[in-house]
């Protein structure tokens, strides 16, 4: 990033569009609304996200959220899924 490169790899950026992160409303729109829309049209990711959220809910009810490495990995999975789905369209394949 010091030499002018972007945070996400070029392969991800080529499949999608450049997000508007210049304002708070742009960030909320990008990571919130667009992510949920992309997840709603890709049922394979939606099932994984819902299952992960259900497991996190069960862990919160037992008050053991940060004691398990599996729960930490679940939070990392959710963060990467939402950020990636906000930038690129799932299922989009570019022709060679």
Protein backbone atom coordinates (compact mmCIF):
# COMPACT_ATOMS: atom_id res chain seq x y z
CA UNK A 1 0.00 0.00 0.00
CA UNK A 2 3.00 2.29 0.43
CA UNK A 3 3.75 2.13 -3.30
CA UNK A 4 0.24 2.98 -4.43
CA UNK A 5 -1.29 -0.48 -4.41
CA UNK A 6 -4.73 -1.17 -2.97
CA UNK A 7 -5.64 -3.23 0.08
CA UNK A 8 -7.43 -6.00 -1.83
CA UNK A 9 -5.61 -8.11 -4.46
CA UNK A 10 -6.04 -7.29 -8.13
CA UNK A 11 -7.89 -10.55 -8.78
CA UNK A 12 -10.65 -9.46 -6.40
CA UNK A 13 -10.76 -5.90 -7.70
CA UNK A 14 -11.03 -7.01 -11.33
CA UNK A 15 -14.17 -9.02 -10.58
CA UNK A 16 -16.01 -6.18 -8.92
CA UNK A 17 -15.92 -2.44 -8.54
CA UNK A 18 -14.10 0.08 -6.43
CA UNK A 19 -16.00 0.70 -3.21
CA UNK A 20 -16.91 4.21 -2.08
CA UNK A 21 -15.14 4.50 1.27
CA UNK A 22 -14.84 8.28 1.29
CA UNK A 23 -17.72 8.90 3.71
CA UNK A 24 -19.51 7.16 6.56
CA UNK A 25 -22.65 6.67 4.47
CA UNK A 26 -20.56 5.14 1.68
CA UNK A 27 -18.98 2.68 4.10
CA UNK A 28 -22.34 1.71 5.59
CA UNK A 29 -23.86 1.27 2.15
CA UNK A 30 -20.90 -0.70 0.86
CA UNK A 31 -20.43 -3.08 3.77
CA UNK A 32 -24.06 -3.28 4.81
CA UNK A 33 -26.58 -3.09 2.03
CA UNK A 34 -24.47 -4.38 -0.83
CA UNK A 35 -23.07 -7.25 1.22
CA UNK A 36 -26.54 -8.40 2.27
CA UNK A 37 -27.80 -8.14 -1.31
CA UNK A 38 -24.89 -10.20 -2.65
CA UNK A 39 -25.42 -12.83 0.05
CA UNK A 40 -29.16 -13.01 -0.66
CA UNK A 41 -28.56 -13.92 -4.31
CA UNK A 42 -25.95 -16.59 -3.52
CA UNK A 43 -27.62 -19.28 -1.41
CA UNK A 44 -24.44 -21.33 -0.92
CA UNK A 45 -22.82 -18.46 0.99
CA UNK A 46 -26.04 -17.51 2.74
CA UNK A 47 -26.37 -20.99 4.28
CA UNK A 48 -22.80 -20.84 5.59
CA UNK A 49 -23.26 -17.35 7.04
CA UNK A 50 -26.56 -18.27 8.72
CA UNK A 51 -25.04 -21.43 10.21
CA UNK A 52 -22.08 -19.44 11.52
CA UNK A 53 -24.35 -16.79 13.03
CA UNK A 54 -26.40 -19.53 14.71
CA UNK A 55 -23.26 -21.06 16.22
CA UNK A 56 -22.17 -17.64 17.48
CA UNK A 57 -25.61 -17.14 19.01
CA UNK A 58 -25.31 -20.44 20.87
CA UNK A 59 -21.84 -19.50 22.10
CA UNK A 60 -23.08 -16.14 23.38
CA UNK A 61 -25.89 -17.84 25.30
CA UNK A 62 -23.31 -20.09 26.99
CA UNK A 63 -20.98 -17.10 27.69
CA UNK A 64 -18.06 -18.87 26.01
CA UNK A 65 -17.59 -16.63 22.99
CA UNK A 66 -13.86 -15.90 23.24
CA UNK A 67 -12.72 -19.09 24.91
CA UNK A 68 -12.87 -21.21 21.80
CA UNK A 69 -10.61 -20.84 18.78
CA UNK A 70 -13.48 -22.08 16.62
CA UNK A 71 -15.55 -19.04 17.59
CA UNK A 72 -12.69 -16.71 16.73
CA UNK A 73 -12.40 -18.38 13.34
CA UNK A 74 -16.16 -17.95 12.88
CA UNK A 75 -15.84 -14.20 13.43
CA UNK A 76 -12.95 -14.06 10.94
CA UNK A 77 -15.03 -16.03 8.42
CA UNK A 78 -17.94 -13.61 8.76
CA UNK A 79 -15.69 -10.55 8.39
CA UNK A 80 -13.99 -11.86 5.25
CA UNK A 81 -17.27 -13.05 3.72
CA UNK A 82 -18.96 -9.68 4.20
CA UNK A 83 -15.98 -7.66 2.96
CA UNK A 84 -15.41 -9.85 -0.09
CA UNK A 85 -19.09 -10.00 -1.03
CA UNK A 86 -19.26 -6.21 -0.85
CA UNK A 87 -16.58 -5.87 -3.52
CA UNK A 88 -17.00 -8.74 -5.95
CA UNK A 89 -20.06 -10.54 -7.18
CA UNK A 90 -20.15 -14.19 -6.08
CA UNK A 91 -20.32 -16.51 -9.04
CA UNK A 92 -18.88 -14.02 -11.50
CA UNK A 93 -16.33 -15.72 -13.70
CA UNK A 94 -14.30 -13.73 -16.19
CA UNK A 95 -13.60 -15.41 -19.56
CA UNK A 96 -9.99 -16.25 -20.34
